Amino acid sequence: THHTGAEVAVGKVEGFVLFVEDIPSG
């Protein structure tokens, strides 16, 4: 859950964390 309250996906690039917003359902 992002600080805005929205759900975000979490993933990594070379161990570096990305928080991805505006994800579709499913």
PDB file of all heavy atoms in Angstrom:
ATOM      1  N   THR A   1       0.854  -1.181   0.000  1.00  0.00           N
ATOM      2  CA  THR A   1       0.000   0.000   0.000  1.00  0.00           C
ATOM      3  C   THR A   1       0.892   1.234   0.000  1.00  0.00           C
ATOM      4  O   THR A   1       1.712   1.412   0.896  1.00  0.00           O
ATOM      5  CB  THR A   1      -0.925   0.016   1.232  1.00  0.00           C
ATOM      6  OG1 THR A   1      -1.696  -1.195   1.227  1.00  0.00           O
ATOM      7  CG2 THR A   1      -1.859   1.206   1.188  1.00  0.00           C
ATOM      8  N   HIS A   2       0.744   2.047  -1.027  1.00  0.00           N
ATOM      9  CA  HIS A   2       1.520   3.281  -1.168  1.00  0.00           C
ATOM     10  C   HIS A   2       1.064   4.275  -0.110  1.00  0.00           C
ATOM     11  O   HIS A   2      -0.035   4.163   0.432  1.00  0.00           O
ATOM     12  CB  HIS A   2       1.279   3.837  -2.574  1.00  0.00           C
ATOM     13  CG  HIS A   2       2.210   4.909  -2.995  1.00  0.00           C
ATOM     14  ND1 HIS A   2       1.915   6.231  -2.852  1.00  0.00           N
ATOM     15  CD2 HIS A   2       3.442   4.859  -3.563  1.00  0.00           C
ATOM     16  CE1 HIS A   2       2.909   6.956  -3.327  1.00  0.00           C
ATOM     17  NE2 HIS A   2       3.854   6.140  -3.764  1.00  0.00           N
ATOM     18  N   HIS A   3       1.888   5.277   0.189  1.00  0.00           N
ATOM     19  CA  HIS A   3       1.518   6.280   1.190  1.00  0.00           C
ATOM     20  C   HIS A   3       0.245   7.023   0.804  1.00  0.00           C
ATOM     21  O   HIS A   3      -0.402   7.631   1.642  1.00  0.00           O
ATOM     22  CB  HIS A   3       2.670   7.258   1.458  1.00  0.00           C
ATOM     23  CG  HIS A   3       3.094   8.057   0.265  1.00  0.00           C
ATOM     24  ND1 HIS A   3       2.433   9.195  -0.131  1.00  0.00           N
ATOM     25  CD2 HIS A   3       4.100   7.871  -0.619  1.00  0.00           C
ATOM     26  CE1 HIS A   3       3.020   9.681  -1.218  1.00  0.00           C
ATOM     27  NE2 HIS A   3       4.036   8.897  -1.531  1.00  0.00           N
ATOM     28  N   THR A   4      -0.148   6.963  -0.473  1.00  0.00           N
ATOM     29  CA  THR A   4      -1.390   7.598  -0.921  1.00  0.00           C
ATOM     30  C   THR A   4      -2.604   6.724  -0.627  1.00  0.00           C
ATOM     31  O   THR A   4      -3.731   7.163  -0.789  1.00  0.00           O
ATOM     32  CB  THR A   4      -1.349   7.865  -2.429  1.00  0.00           C
ATOM     33  OG1 THR A   4      -1.216   6.612  -3.116  1.00  0.00           O
ATOM     34  CG2 THR A   4      -0.208   8.787  -2.813  1.00  0.00           C
ATOM     35  N   GLY A   5      -2.350   5.469  -0.234  1.00  0.00           N
ATOM     36  CA  GLY A   5      -3.435   4.538   0.030  1.00  0.00           C
ATOM     37  C   GLY A   5      -3.718   3.589  -1.116  1.00  0.00           C
ATOM     38  O   GLY A   5      -4.470   2.640  -0.974  1.00  0.00           O
ATOM     39  N   ALA A   6      -3.131   3.847  -2.284  1.00  0.00           N
ATOM     40  CA  ALA A   6      -3.334   2.990  -3.454  1.00  0.00           C
ATOM     41  C   ALA A   6      -2.441   1.754  -3.380  1.00  0.00           C
ATOM     42  O   ALA A   6      -1.347   1.795  -2.821  1.00  0.00           O
ATOM     43  CB  ALA A   6      -3.019   3.771  -4.724  1.00  0.00           C
ATOM     44  N   GLU A   7      -2.924   0.650  -3.965  1.00  0.00           N
ATOM     45  CA  GLU A   7      -2.097  -0.553  -4.038  1.00  0.00           C
ATOM     46  C   GLU A   7      -1.076  -0.382  -5.147  1.00  0.00           C
ATOM     47  O   GLU A   7      -1.393   0.113  -6.230  1.00  0.00           O
ATOM     48  CB  GLU A   7      -2.965  -1.783  -4.317  1.00  0.00           C
ATOM     49  CG  GLU A   7      -2.140  -3.061  -4.339  1.00  0.00           C
ATOM     50  CD  GLU A   7      -2.964  -4.305  -4.596  1.00  0.00           C
ATOM     51  OE1 GLU A   7      -3.763  -4.290  -5.546  1.00  0.00           O
ATOM     52  OE2 GLU A   7      -2.791  -5.275  -3.860  1.00  0.00           O
ATOM     53  N   VAL A   8       0.163  -0.781  -4.878  1.00  0.00           N
ATOM     54  CA  VAL A   8       1.234  -0.726  -5.869  1.00  0.00           C
ATOM     55  C   VAL A   8       1.883  -2.097  -5.979  1.00  0.00           C
ATOM     56  O   VAL A   8       1.869  -2.890  -5.041  1.00  0.00           O
ATOM     57  CB  VAL A   8       2.307   0.339  -5.513  1.00  0.00           C
ATOM     58  CG1 VAL A   8       1.712   1.736  -5.515  1.00  0.00           C
ATOM     59  CG2 VAL A   8       2.969   0.051  -4.188  1.00  0.00           C
ATOM     60  N   ALA A   9       2.448  -2.362  -7.147  1.00  0.00           N
ATOM     61  CA  ALA A   9       3.223  -3.579  -7.350  1.00  0.00           C
ATOM     62  C   ALA A   9       4.675  -3.268  -6.987  1.00  0.00           C
ATOM     63  O   ALA A   9       5.159  -2.163  -7.212  1.00  0.00           O
ATOM     64  CB  ALA A   9       3.129  -4.035  -8.802  1.00  0.00           C
ATOM     65  N   VAL A  10       5.363  -4.248  -6.438  1.00  0.00           N
ATOM     66  CA  VAL A  10       6.758  -4.101  -6.054  1.00  0.00           C
ATOM     67  C   VAL A  10       7.591  -5.051  -6.903  1.00  0.00           C
ATOM     68  O   VAL A  10       7.247  -6.223  -7.052  1.00  0.00           O
ATOM     69  CB  VAL A  10       6.962  -4.415  -4.554  1.00  0.00           C
ATOM     70  CG1 VAL A  10       8.415  -4.238  -4.158  1.00  0.00           C
ATOM     71  CG2 VAL A  10       6.053  -3.545  -3.687  1.00  0.00           C
ATOM     72  N   GLY A  11       8.678  -4.533  -7.466  1.00  0.00           N
ATOM     73  CA  GLY A  11       9.594  -5.347  -8.246  1.00  0.00           C
ATOM     74  C   GLY A  11      10.990  -4.760  -8.157  1.00  0.00           C
ATOM     75  O   GLY A  11      11.189  -3.698  -7.554  1.00  0.00           O
ATOM     76  N   LYS A  12      11.963  -5.449  -8.738  1.00  0.00           N
ATOM     77  CA  LYS A  12      13.348  -4.998  -8.634  1.00  0.00           C
ATOM     78  C   LYS A  12      14.058  -5.012  -9.983  1.00  0.00           C
ATOM     79  O   LYS A  12      13.788  -5.854 -10.834  1.00  0.00           O
ATOM     80  CB  LYS A  12      14.127  -5.886  -7.669  1.00  0.00           C
ATOM     81  CG  LYS A  12      13.638  -5.793  -6.241  1.00  0.00           C
ATOM     82  CD  LYS A  12      14.473  -6.648  -5.320  1.00  0.00           C
ATOM     83  CE  LYS A  12      13.973  -6.513  -3.885  1.00  0.00           C
ATOM     84  NZ  LYS A  12      14.802  -7.304  -2.967  1.00  0.00           N
ATOM     85  N   VAL A  13      14.985  -4.062 -10.129  1.00  0.00           N
ATOM     86  CA  VAL A  13      15.922  -4.014 -11.249  1.00  0.00           C
ATOM     87  C   VAL A  13      17.311  -4.058 -10.621  1.00  0.00           C
ATOM     88  O   VAL A  13      17.691  -3.148  -9.888  1.00  0.00           O
ATOM     89  CB  VAL A  13      15.764  -2.715 -12.080  1.00  0.00           C
ATOM     90  CG1 VAL A  13      16.853  -2.617 -13.134  1.00  0.00           C
ATOM     91  CG2 VAL A  13      14.385  -2.627 -12.703  1.00  0.00           C
ATOM     92  N   GLU A  14      18.023  -5.150 -10.830  1.00  0.00           N
ATOM     93  CA  GLU A  14      19.360  -5.327 -10.247  1.00  0.00           C
ATOM     94  C   GLU A  14      19.344  -5.081  -8.739  1.00  0.00           C
ATOM     95  O   GLU A  14      20.230  -4.432  -8.186  1.00  0.00           O
ATOM     96  CB  GLU A  14      20.379  -4.415 -10.928  1.00  0.00           C
ATOM     97  CG  GLU A  14      20.577  -4.716 -12.391  1.00  0.00           C
ATOM     98  CD  GLU A  14      21.558  -3.765 -13.060  1.00  0.00           C
ATOM     99  OE1 GLU A  14      22.473  -3.245 -12.380  1.00  0.00           O
ATOM    100  OE2 GLU A  14      21.418  -3.551 -14.272  1.00  0.00           O
ATOM    101  N   GLY A  15      18.315  -5.567  -8.070  1.00  0.00           N
ATOM    102  CA  GLY A  15      18.193  -5.426  -6.623  1.00  0.00           C
ATOM    103  C   GLY A  15      17.621  -4.100  -6.167  1.00  0.00           C
ATOM    104  O   GLY A  15      17.364  -3.896  -4.987  1.00  0.00           O
ATOM    105  N   PHE A  16      17.390  -3.182  -7.098  1.00  0.00           N
ATOM    106  CA  PHE A  16      16.859  -1.850  -6.793  1.00  0.00           C
ATOM    107  C   PHE A  16      15.338  -1.904  -6.852  1.00  0.00           C
ATOM    108  O   PHE A  16      14.753  -2.320  -7.854  1.00  0.00           O
ATOM    109  CB  PHE A  16      17.402  -0.854  -7.821  1.00  0.00           C
ATOM    110  CG  PHE A  16      17.041   0.570  -7.547  1.00  0.00           C
ATOM    111  CD1 PHE A  16      17.774   1.320  -6.642  1.00  0.00           C
ATOM    112  CD2 PHE A  16      15.982   1.167  -8.206  1.00  0.00           C
ATOM    113  CE1 PHE A  16      17.461   2.653  -6.401  1.00  0.00           C
ATOM    114  CE2 PHE A  16      15.660   2.494  -7.975  1.00  0.00           C
ATOM    115  CZ  PHE A  16      16.396   3.238  -7.066  1.00  0.00           C
ATOM    116  N   VAL A  17      14.666  -1.463  -5.797  1.00  0.00           N
ATOM    117  CA  VAL A  17      13.220  -1.605  -5.671  1.00  0.00           C
ATOM    118  C   VAL A  17      12.468  -0.517  -6.432  1.00  0.00           C
ATOM    119  O   VAL A  17      12.778   0.665  -6.317  1.00  0.00           O
ATOM    120  CB  VAL A  17      12.792  -1.581  -4.181  1.00  0.00           C
ATOM    121  CG1 VAL A  17      11.280  -1.657  -4.049  1.00  0.00           C
ATOM    122  CG2 VAL A  17      13.446  -2.724  -3.419  1.00  0.00           C
ATOM    123  N   LEU A  18      11.459  -0.968  -7.213  1.00  0.00           N
ATOM    124  CA  LEU A  18      10.524  -0.068  -7.881  1.00  0.00           C
ATOM    125  C   LEU A  18       9.139  -0.288  -7.297  1.00  0.00           C
ATOM    126  O   LEU A  18       8.706  -1.435  -7.137  1.00  0.00           O
ATOM    127  CB  LEU A  18      10.457  -0.333  -9.381  1.00  0.00           C
ATOM    128  CG  LEU A  18      11.676  -0.055 -10.232  1.00  0.00           C
ATOM    129  CD1 LEU A  18      11.358  -0.360 -11.694  1.00  0.00           C
ATOM    130  CD2 LEU A  18      12.137   1.368 -10.090  1.00  0.00           C
ATOM    131  N   PHE A  19       8.444   0.802  -6.983  1.00  0.00           N
ATOM    132  CA  PHE A  19       7.055   0.755  -6.545  1.00  0.00           C
ATOM    133  C   PHE A  19       6.227   1.249  -7.730  1.00  0.00           C
ATOM    134  O   PHE A  19       6.329   2.410  -8.128  1.00  0.00           O
ATOM    135  CB  PHE A  19       6.840   1.659  -5.327  1.00  0.00           C
ATOM    136  CG  PHE A  19       7.597   1.203  -4.110  1.00  0.00           C
ATOM    137  CD1 PHE A  19       8.801   1.795  -3.755  1.00  0.00           C
ATOM    138  CD2 PHE A  19       7.112   0.168  -3.328  1.00  0.00           C
ATOM    139  CE1 PHE A  19       9.502   1.387  -2.641  1.00  0.00           C
ATOM    140  CE2 PHE A  19       7.808  -0.257  -2.204  1.00  0.00           C
ATOM    141  CZ  PHE A  19       9.006   0.342  -1.862  1.00  0.00           C
ATOM    142  N   VAL A  20       5.434   0.341  -8.310  1.00  0.00           N
ATOM    143  CA  VAL A  20       4.720   0.644  -9.554  1.00  0.00           C
ATOM    144  C   VAL A  20       3.260   0.984  -9.270  1.00  0.00           C
ATOM    145  O   VAL A  20       2.502   0.153  -8.770  1.00  0.00           O
ATOM    146  CB  VAL A  20       4.817  -0.538 -10.538  1.00  0.00           C
ATOM    147  CG1 VAL A  20       4.157  -0.174 -11.867  1.00  0.00           C
ATOM    148  CG2 VAL A  20       6.271  -0.941 -10.756  1.00  0.00           C
ATOM    149  N   GLU A  21       2.883   2.210  -9.631  1.00  0.00           N
ATOM    150  CA  GLU A  21       1.532   2.725  -9.423  1.00  0.00           C
ATOM    151  C   GLU A  21       0.658   2.463 -10.646  1.00  0.00           C
ATOM    152  O   GLU A  21       1.149   2.099 -11.705  1.00  0.00           O
ATOM    153  CB  GLU A  21       1.591   4.234  -9.176  1.00  0.00           C
ATOM    154  CG  GLU A  21       2.505   4.623  -8.040  1.00  0.00           C
ATOM    155  CD  GLU A  21       2.758   6.133  -7.978  1.00  0.00           C
ATOM    156  OE1 GLU A  21       2.465   6.846  -8.958  1.00  0.00           O
ATOM    157  OE2 GLU A  21       3.257   6.577  -6.942  1.00  0.00           O
ATOM    158  N   ASP A  22      -0.633   2.716 -10.487  1.00  0.00           N
ATOM    159  CA  ASP A  22      -1.623   2.631 -11.575  1.00  0.00           C
ATOM    160  C   ASP A  22      -1.683   1.237 -12.194  1.00  0.00           C
ATOM    161  O   ASP A  22      -1.819   1.093 -13.417  1.00  0.00           O
ATOM    162  CB  ASP A  22      -1.341   3.685 -12.663  1.00  0.00           C
ATOM    163  CG  ASP A  22      -1.349   5.102 -12.111  1.00  0.00           C
ATOM    164  OD1 ASP A  22      -2.178   5.386 -11.224  1.00  0.00           O
ATOM    165  OD2 ASP A  22      -0.525   5.921 -12.560  1.00  0.00           O
ATOM    166  N   ILE A  23      -1.584   0.223 -11.342  1.00  0.00           N
ATOM    167  CA  ILE A  23      -1.616  -1.152 -11.848  1.00  0.00           C
ATOM    168  C   ILE A  23      -3.061  -1.584 -12.111  1.00  0.00           C
ATOM    169  O   ILE A  23      -3.969  -1.218 -11.371  1.00  0.00           O
ATOM    170  CB  ILE A  23      -0.931  -2.127 -10.865  1.00  0.00           C
ATOM    171  CG1 ILE A  23      -1.579  -2.053  -9.471  1.00  0.00           C
ATOM    172  CG2 ILE A  23       0.566  -1.864 -10.803  1.00  0.00           C
ATOM    173  CD1 ILE A  23      -1.097  -3.090  -8.494  1.00  0.00           C
ATOM    174  N   PRO A  24      -3.267  -2.366 -13.164  1.00  0.00           N
ATOM    175  CA  PRO A  24      -4.620  -2.867 -13.432  1.00  0.00           C
ATOM    176  C   PRO A  24      -4.954  -4.029 -12.489  1.00  0.00           C
ATOM    177  O   PRO A  24      -4.051  -4.645 -11.910  1.00  0.00           O
ATOM    178  CB  PRO A  24      -4.530  -3.344 -14.876  1.00  0.00           C
ATOM    179  CG  PRO A  24      -3.100  -3.720 -15.061  1.00  0.00           C
ATOM    180  CD  PRO A  24      -2.319  -2.758 -14.197  1.00  0.00           C
ATOM    181  N   SER A  25      -6.210  -4.320 -12.350  1.00  0.00           N
ATOM    182  CA  SER A  25      -6.611  -5.459 -11.515  1.00  0.00           C
ATOM    183  C   SER A  25      -6.217  -6.756 -12.221  1.00  0.00           C
ATOM    184  O   SER A  25      -6.000  -6.787 -13.428  1.00  0.00           O
ATOM    185  CB  SER A  25      -8.112  -5.427 -11.251  1.00  0.00           C
ATOM    186  OG  SER A  25      -8.815  -5.514 -12.477  1.00  0.00           O
ATOM    187  N   GLY A  26      -6.100  -7.801 -11.460  1.00  0.00           N
ATOM    188  CA  GLY A  26      -5.806  -9.109 -12.025  1.00  0.00           C
ATOM    189  C   GLY A  26      -4.340  -9.485 -12.071  1.00  0.00           C
ATOM    190  O   GLY A  26      -4.000 -10.581 -12.509  1.00  0.00           O
TER     191      GLY A  26
END
